[in-house]
């Protein structure tokens, strides 16, 4: 009886495993979503590239890709200026403070997303799009998150992909399922490239400050 109760409590997928695997393949153009922006971030942020990726992950909570980049740039400037983090959700501020304190990101989605952003290929971020696609719920429960990670890892094994590649493809597939197009599914590379001049000016200003000689007290 107890075994049957456990089985009943297992989250049920909206679509079968084979259909989800097909969905990932249909949106395979987004497999490289996590890798696409890496050379550009390295170019724009130099020694701060890893730091900015963590900030992007922290400020991704409940934000579109476009809004995420804007929030991340604001947080980057506040961090470099030594200012308190203001203008974000409480959970975002907590993670930004953790970044400032050189601590790991926290939260089911943010921790995994931050890992995937830092080239940890087995990390799977279960966000609202994955929750909607797999379970019909934009706010997946802890049991749903565990189930989603298991299913995505299995699909990755079947396809010979990285788990984060499957997650990115399904993330894009859900947006197109809801009426989007490949052109409207945003990525960091496009947004950051559009802001490249602004970022170069920000970075140059901080580099000039850091290169100024320190006056002894």
C-alpha atoms as a PDB file:
ATOM      1  CA  UNK A   1       0.000   0.000   0.000  1.00  0.00           C
ATOM      2  CA  UNK A   2       2.796   2.360   0.883  1.00  0.00           C
ATOM      3  CA  UNK A   3       4.511   1.695  -2.448  1.00  0.00           C
ATOM      4  CA  UNK A   4       1.284   2.511  -4.298  1.00  0.00           C
ATOM      5  CA  UNK A   5       0.950   5.761  -2.331  1.00  0.00           C
ATOM      6  CA  UNK A   6       4.510   6.756  -3.281  1.00  0.00           C
ATOM      7  CA  UNK A   7       3.795   5.984  -6.942  1.00  0.00           C
ATOM      8  CA  UNK A   8       0.628   8.095  -6.854  1.00  0.00           C
ATOM      9  CA  UNK A   9       2.551  11.013  -5.387  1.00  0.00           C
ATOM     10  CA  UNK A  10       5.065  11.033  -8.236  1.00  0.00           C
ATOM     11  CA  UNK A  11       4.487  14.051 -10.526  1.00  0.00           C
ATOM     12  CA  UNK A  12       2.942  13.158 -13.865  1.00  0.00           C
ATOM     13  CA  UNK A  13       4.366  14.550 -17.089  1.00  0.00           C
ATOM     14  CA  UNK A  14       2.080  16.484 -19.445  1.00  0.00           C
ATOM     15  CA  UNK A  15       3.554  14.590 -22.382  1.00  0.00           C
ATOM     16  CA  UNK A  16       5.389  11.297 -22.720  1.00  0.00           C
ATOM     17  CA  UNK A  17       9.142  10.827 -22.600  1.00  0.00           C
ATOM     18  CA  UNK A  18       9.397  10.190 -26.344  1.00  0.00           C
ATOM     19  CA  UNK A  19       7.449  13.376 -27.141  1.00  0.00           C
ATOM     20  CA  UNK A  20       9.704  15.414 -24.881  1.00  0.00           C
ATOM     21  CA  UNK A  21      12.765  13.961 -26.583  1.00  0.00           C
ATOM     22  CA  UNK A  22      11.274  14.889 -29.963  1.00  0.00           C
ATOM     23  CA  UNK A  23      10.545  18.396 -28.660  1.00  0.00           C
ATOM     24  CA  UNK A  24      14.200  18.797 -27.671  1.00  0.00           C
ATOM     25  CA  UNK A  25      15.290  17.670 -31.121  1.00  0.00           C
ATOM     26  CA  UNK A  26      12.829  20.016 -32.825  1.00  0.00           C
ATOM     27  CA  UNK A  27      14.422  22.971 -31.010  1.00  0.00           C
ATOM     28  CA  UNK A  28      18.004  21.694 -31.279  1.00  0.00           C
ATOM     29  CA  UNK A  29      19.134  25.047 -32.678  1.00  0.00           C
ATOM     30  CA  UNK A  30      19.085  26.224 -29.044  1.00  0.00           C
ATOM     31  CA  UNK A  31      21.341  23.436 -27.733  1.00  0.00           C
ATOM     32  CA  UNK A  32      24.239  25.886 -27.604  1.00  0.00           C
ATOM     33  CA  UNK A  33      22.286  28.562 -25.700  1.00  0.00           C
ATOM     34  CA  UNK A  34      24.669  28.407 -22.725  1.00  0.00           C
ATOM     35  CA  UNK A  35      27.800  28.453 -24.914  1.00  0.00           C
ATOM     36  CA  UNK A  36      26.697  31.134 -27.376  1.00  0.00           C
ATOM     37  CA  UNK A  37      27.487  34.097 -25.183  1.00  0.00           C
ATOM     38  CA  UNK A  38      30.650  32.812 -23.490  1.00  0.00           C
ATOM     39  CA  UNK A  39      33.239  34.257 -25.938  1.00  0.00           C
ATOM     40  CA  UNK A  40      31.461  37.627 -25.922  1.00  0.00           C
ATOM     41  CA  UNK A  41      31.295  37.797 -22.111  1.00  0.00           C
ATOM     42  CA  UNK A  42      34.991  36.898 -21.951  1.00  0.00           C
ATOM     43  CA  UNK A  43      35.742  39.663 -24.455  1.00  0.00           C
ATOM     44  CA  UNK A  44      33.586  42.304 -22.778  1.00  0.00           C
ATOM     45  CA  UNK A  45      34.337  41.557 -19.114  1.00  0.00           C
ATOM     46  CA  UNK A  46      37.843  40.088 -19.156  1.00  0.00           C
ATOM     47  CA  UNK A  47      38.877  39.039 -15.655  1.00  0.00           C
ATOM     48  CA  UNK A  48      35.336  39.781 -14.450  1.00  0.00           C
ATOM     49  CA  UNK A  49      33.713  37.315 -16.878  1.00  0.00           C
ATOM     50  CA  UNK A  50      33.087  34.645 -14.252  1.00  0.00           C
ATOM     51  CA  UNK A  51      31.776  37.261 -11.837  1.00  0.00           C
ATOM     52  CA  UNK A  52      29.350  38.663 -14.402  1.00  0.00           C
ATOM     53  CA  UNK A  53      28.025  35.196 -15.258  1.00  0.00           C
ATOM     54  CA  UNK A  54      27.199  34.706 -11.576  1.00  0.00           C
ATOM     55  CA  UNK A  55      25.473  38.092 -11.483  1.00  0.00           C
ATOM     56  CA  UNK A  56      23.466  37.172 -14.578  1.00  0.00           C
ATOM     57  CA  UNK A  57      22.341  33.992 -12.850  1.00  0.00           C
ATOM     58  CA  UNK A  58      21.394  35.824  -9.648  1.00  0.00           C
ATOM     59  CA  UNK A  59      19.374  38.494 -11.468  1.00  0.00           C
ATOM     60  CA  UNK A  60      17.614  36.000 -13.755  1.00  0.00           C
ATOM     61  CA  UNK A  61      14.926  35.337 -11.143  1.00  0.00           C
ATOM     62  CA  UNK A  62      11.499  36.206 -12.630  1.00  0.00           C
ATOM     63  CA  UNK A  63      13.145  38.239 -15.420  1.00  0.00           C
ATOM     64  CA  UNK A  64      13.195  38.022 -19.210  1.00  0.00           C
ATOM     65  CA  UNK A  65      16.595  37.746 -20.885  1.00  0.00           C
ATOM     66  CA  UNK A  66      16.479  41.435 -21.853  1.00  0.00           C
ATOM     67  CA  UNK A  67      15.490  42.586 -18.351  1.00  0.00           C
ATOM     68  CA  UNK A  68      18.004  40.158 -16.847  1.00  0.00           C
ATOM     69  CA  UNK A  69      20.934  41.803 -18.649  1.00  0.00           C
ATOM     70  CA  UNK A  70      19.810  45.278 -17.567  1.00  0.00           C
ATOM     71  CA  UNK A  71      19.520  44.163 -13.936  1.00  0.00           C
ATOM     72  CA  UNK A  72      22.871  42.389 -14.099  1.00  0.00           C
ATOM     73  CA  UNK A  73      24.649  45.479 -15.392  1.00  0.00           C
ATOM     74  CA  UNK A  74      23.090  47.576 -12.624  1.00  0.00           C
ATOM     75  CA  UNK A  75      24.175  45.014 -10.020  1.00  0.00           C
ATOM     76  CA  UNK A  76      27.668  44.850 -11.524  1.00  0.00           C
ATOM     77  CA  UNK A  77      28.044  48.623 -11.133  1.00  0.00           C
ATOM     78  CA  UNK A  78      26.665  48.559  -7.577  1.00  0.00           C
ATOM     79  CA  UNK A  79      29.116  45.808  -6.656  1.00  0.00           C
ATOM     80  CA  UNK A  80      32.107  47.585  -8.219  1.00  0.00           C
ATOM     81  CA  UNK A  81      31.104  50.852  -6.521  1.00  0.00           C
ATOM     82  CA  UNK A  82      30.722  49.135  -3.144  1.00  0.00           C
ATOM     83  CA  UNK A  83      27.073  50.208  -2.963  1.00  0.00           C
ATOM     84  CA  UNK A  84      24.237  48.197  -1.405  1.00  0.00           C
ATOM     85  CA  UNK A  85      22.140  46.218  -3.841  1.00  0.00           C
ATOM     86  CA  UNK A  86      18.811  47.981  -4.349  1.00  0.00           C
ATOM     87  CA  UNK A  87      16.001  47.647  -6.871  1.00  0.00           C
ATOM     88  CA  UNK A  88      15.682  43.846  -6.963  1.00  0.00           C
ATOM     89  CA  UNK A  89      13.507  41.088  -5.542  1.00  0.00           C
ATOM     90  CA  UNK A  90      14.550  40.052  -1.997  1.00  0.00           C
ATOM     91  CA  UNK A  91      15.802  36.666  -3.236  1.00  0.00           C
ATOM     92  CA  UNK A  92      17.926  38.390  -5.871  1.00  0.00           C
ATOM     93  CA  UNK A  93      19.462  40.700  -3.266  1.00  0.00           C
ATOM     94  CA  UNK A  94      20.283  37.706  -1.070  1.00  0.00           C
ATOM     95  CA  UNK A  95      22.153  36.044  -3.924  1.00  0.00           C
ATOM     96  CA  UNK A  96      23.928  39.241  -4.930  1.00  0.00           C
ATOM     97  CA  UNK A  97      25.098  39.618  -1.336  1.00  0.00           C
ATOM     98  CA  UNK A  98      26.333  36.044  -1.509  1.00  0.00           C
ATOM     99  CA  UNK A  99      28.306  36.894  -4.660  1.00  0.00           C
ATOM    100  CA  UNK A 100      29.812  39.897  -2.891  1.00  0.00           C
ATOM    101  CA  UNK A 101      30.790  37.608  -0.026  1.00  0.00           C
ATOM    102  CA  UNK A 102      32.241  35.053  -2.482  1.00  0.00           C
ATOM    103  CA  UNK A 103      29.636  32.479  -1.485  1.00  0.00           C
ATOM    104  CA  UNK A 104      27.760  30.039  -3.709  1.00  0.00           C
ATOM    105  CA  UNK A 105      24.422  30.969  -5.251  1.00  0.00           C
ATOM    106  CA  UNK A 106      21.340  29.663  -3.477  1.00  0.00           C
ATOM    107  CA  UNK A 107      17.928  28.427  -4.650  1.00  0.00           C
ATOM    108  CA  UNK A 108      16.688  25.450  -6.699  1.00  0.00           C
ATOM    109  CA  UNK A 109      16.667  27.275 -10.034  1.00  0.00           C
ATOM    110  CA  UNK A 110      19.363  29.898  -9.462  1.00  0.00           C
ATOM    111  CA  UNK A 111      21.998  27.515  -8.093  1.00  0.00           C
ATOM    112  CA  UNK A 112      21.570  25.152 -11.061  1.00  0.00           C
ATOM    113  CA  UNK A 113      21.388  27.997 -13.576  1.00  0.00           C
ATOM    114  CA  UNK A 114      24.550  29.526 -12.184  1.00  0.00           C
ATOM    115  CA  UNK A 115      26.303  26.177 -12.523  1.00  0.00           C
ATOM    116  CA  UNK A 116      25.159  25.781 -16.128  1.00  0.00           C
ATOM    117  CA  UNK A 117      26.357  29.317 -16.859  1.00  0.00           C
ATOM    118  CA  UNK A 118      29.787  28.353 -15.492  1.00  0.00           C
ATOM    119  CA  UNK A 119      30.084  25.374 -17.893  1.00  0.00           C
ATOM    120  CA  UNK A 120      28.840  22.715 -15.448  1.00  0.00           C
ATOM    121  CA  UNK A 121      27.158  20.692 -18.178  1.00  0.00           C
ATOM    122  CA  UNK A 122      25.136  18.408 -15.873  1.00  0.00           C
ATOM    123  CA  UNK A 123      23.349  21.292 -14.144  1.00  0.00           C
ATOM    124  CA  UNK A 124      19.655  21.603 -15.057  1.00  0.00           C
ATOM    125  CA  UNK A 125      17.752  24.797 -14.249  1.00  0.00           C
ATOM    126  CA  UNK A 126      14.058  24.005 -13.784  1.00  0.00           C
ATOM    127  CA  UNK A 127      12.393  27.368 -14.376  1.00  0.00           C
ATOM    128  CA  UNK A 128       8.827  28.367 -15.216  1.00  0.00           C
ATOM    129  CA  UNK A 129       9.174  27.293 -18.861  1.00  0.00           C
ATOM    130  CA  UNK A 130      10.351  23.796 -17.925  1.00  0.00           C
ATOM    131  CA  UNK A 131       7.642  23.629 -15.274  1.00  0.00           C
ATOM    132  CA  UNK A 132       4.960  24.611 -17.781  1.00  0.00           C
ATOM    133  CA  UNK A 133       6.158  22.231 -20.460  1.00  0.00           C
ATOM    134  CA  UNK A 134       6.608  19.169 -18.276  1.00  0.00           C
ATOM    135  CA  UNK A 135       3.866  19.641 -15.689  1.00  0.00           C
ATOM    136  CA  UNK A 136       1.639  22.540 -16.746  1.00  0.00           C
ATOM    137  CA  UNK A 137       2.787  24.561 -13.731  1.00  0.00           C
ATOM    138  CA  UNK A 138       5.027  27.648 -13.953  1.00  0.00           C
ATOM    139  CA  UNK A 139       5.986  27.165 -10.293  1.00  0.00           C
ATOM    140  CA  UNK A 140       7.058  23.520 -10.058  1.00  0.00           C
ATOM    141  CA  UNK A 141       7.074  21.814  -6.667  1.00  0.00           C
ATOM    142  CA  UNK A 142      10.278  20.302  -5.235  1.00  0.00           C
ATOM    143  CA  UNK A 143       9.060  16.864  -6.385  1.00  0.00           C
ATOM    144  CA  UNK A 144       8.490  18.241  -9.889  1.00  0.00           C
ATOM    145  CA  UNK A 145      11.953  19.766  -9.949  1.00  0.00           C
ATOM    146  CA  UNK A 146      13.497  16.416  -9.033  1.00  0.00           C
ATOM    147  CA  UNK A 147      11.395  14.645 -11.664  1.00  0.00           C
ATOM    148  CA  UNK A 148      12.287  17.213 -14.343  1.00  0.00           C
ATOM    149  CA  UNK A 149      16.000  16.822 -13.672  1.00  0.00           C
ATOM    150  CA  UNK A 150      15.719  13.042 -13.899  1.00  0.00           C
ATOM    151  CA  UNK A 151      13.771  13.167 -17.168  1.00  0.00           C
ATOM    152  CA  UNK A 152      16.107  15.718 -18.746  1.00  0.00           C
ATOM    153  CA  UNK A 153      19.158  13.679 -17.714  1.00  0.00           C
ATOM    154  CA  UNK A 154      17.586  10.591 -19.314  1.00  0.00           C
ATOM    155  CA  UNK A 155      16.824  12.477 -22.535  1.00  0.00           C
ATOM    156  CA  UNK A 156      20.406  13.765 -22.589  1.00  0.00           C
ATOM    157  CA  UNK A 157      21.723  10.225 -22.228  1.00  0.00           C
ATOM    158  CA  UNK A 158      19.495   9.004 -25.058  1.00  0.00           C
ATOM    159  CA  UNK A 159      20.498  11.839 -27.405  1.00  0.00           C
ATOM    160  CA  UNK A 160      24.151  12.025 -26.405  1.00  0.00           C
ATOM    161  CA  UNK A 161      23.680  15.664 -25.379  1.00  0.00           C
ATOM    162  CA  UNK A 162      24.642  17.605 -22.270  1.00  0.00           C
ATOM    163  CA  UNK A 163      21.760  17.870 -19.758  1.00  0.00           C
ATOM    164  CA  UNK A 164      21.999  21.666 -19.925  1.00  0.00           C
ATOM    165  CA  UNK A 165      21.607  21.429 -23.726  1.00  0.00           C
ATOM    166  CA  UNK A 166      18.368  19.482 -23.340  1.00  0.00           C
ATOM    167  CA  UNK A 167      17.091  21.998 -20.790  1.00  0.00           C
ATOM    168  CA  UNK A 168      17.933  24.927 -23.074  1.00  0.00           C
ATOM    169  CA  UNK A 169      16.222  23.288 -26.039  1.00  0.00           C
ATOM    170  CA  UNK A 170      13.062  22.522 -24.054  1.00  0.00           C
ATOM    171  CA  UNK A 171      13.120  26.051 -22.586  1.00  0.00           C
ATOM    172  CA  UNK A 172      13.079  27.426 -26.130  1.00  0.00           C
ATOM    173  CA  UNK A 173      10.502  24.867 -27.288  1.00  0.00           C
ATOM    174  CA  UNK A 174       8.036  25.961 -24.605  1.00  0.00           C
ATOM    175  CA  UNK A 175       8.303  29.585 -25.703  1.00  0.00           C
ATOM    176  CA  UNK A 176       7.634  28.626 -29.312  1.00  0.00           C
ATOM    177  CA  UNK A 177       4.803  26.331 -28.194  1.00  0.00           C
ATOM    178  CA  UNK A 178       3.199  29.406 -26.648  1.00  0.00           C
ATOM    179  CA  UNK A 179       3.380  31.346 -29.906  1.00  0.00           C
ATOM    180  CA  UNK A 180       6.960  32.554 -30.050  1.00  0.00           C
ATOM    181  CA  UNK A 181       9.343  32.146 -32.957  1.00  0.00           C
ATOM    182  CA  UNK A 182      13.048  31.278 -33.118  1.00  0.00           C
ATOM    183  CA  UNK A 183      13.698  34.992 -33.609  1.00  0.00           C
ATOM    184  CA  UNK A 184      11.819  35.998 -30.451  1.00  0.00           C
ATOM    185  CA  UNK A 185      13.531  33.469 -28.165  1.00  0.00           C
ATOM    186  CA  UNK A 186      16.205  35.714 -26.694  1.00  0.00           C
ATOM    187  CA  UNK A 187      19.772  34.844 -25.775  1.00  0.00           C
ATOM    188  CA  UNK A 188      22.459  36.687 -23.862  1.00  0.00           C
ATOM    189  CA  UNK A 189      24.740  37.018 -26.878  1.00  0.00           C
ATOM    190  CA  UNK A 190      22.249  39.150 -28.815  1.00  0.00           C
ATOM    191  CA  UNK A 191      21.401  41.434 -25.877  1.00  0.00           C
ATOM    192  CA  UNK A 192      25.002  41.848 -24.724  1.00  0.00           C
ATOM    193  CA  UNK A 193      26.182  42.508 -28.268  1.00  0.00           C
ATOM    194  CA  UNK A 194      23.621  45.305 -28.531  1.00  0.00           C
ATOM    195  CA  UNK A 195      24.992  46.748 -25.280  1.00  0.00           C
ATOM    196  CA  UNK A 196      28.655  46.155 -26.106  1.00  0.00           C
ATOM    197  CA  UNK A 197      29.588  49.836 -26.385  1.00  0.00           C
ATOM    198  CA  UNK A 198      27.871  50.665 -23.093  1.00  0.00           C
ATOM    199  CA  UNK A 199      29.638  47.758 -21.381  1.00  0.00           C
ATOM    200  CA  UNK A 200      33.022  48.771 -22.782  1.00  0.00           C
ATOM    201  CA  UNK A 201      32.550  52.276 -21.365  1.00  0.00           C
ATOM    202  CA  UNK A 202      31.560  50.884 -17.956  1.00  0.00           C
ATOM    203  CA  UNK A 203      34.551  48.556 -17.882  1.00  0.00           C
ATOM    204  CA  UNK A 204      36.928  51.280 -19.051  1.00  0.00           C
ATOM    205  CA  UNK A 205      35.773  53.598 -16.262  1.00  0.00           C
ATOM    206  CA  UNK A 206      36.466  50.972 -13.586  1.00  0.00           C
ATOM    207  CA  UNK A 207      39.803  50.026 -15.113  1.00  0.00           C
ATOM    208  CA  UNK A 208      40.865  53.687 -15.060  1.00  0.00           C
ATOM    209  CA  UNK A 209      39.888  53.935 -11.387  1.00  0.00           C
ATOM    210  CA  UNK A 210      41.755  50.738 -10.518  1.00  0.00           C
ATOM    211  CA  UNK A 211      44.880  51.970 -12.324  1.00  0.00           C
ATOM    212  CA  UNK A 212      45.018  55.283 -10.466  1.00  0.00           C
ATOM    213  CA  UNK A 213      47.910  55.437  -7.969  1.00  0.00           C
ATOM    214  CA  UNK A 214      46.859  55.076  -4.346  1.00  0.00           C
ATOM    215  CA  UNK A 215      47.663  58.076  -2.160  1.00  0.00           C
ATOM    216  CA  UNK A 216      49.184  57.133   1.178  1.00  0.00           C
ATOM    217  CA  UNK A 217      47.256  58.306   4.227  1.00  0.00           C
END
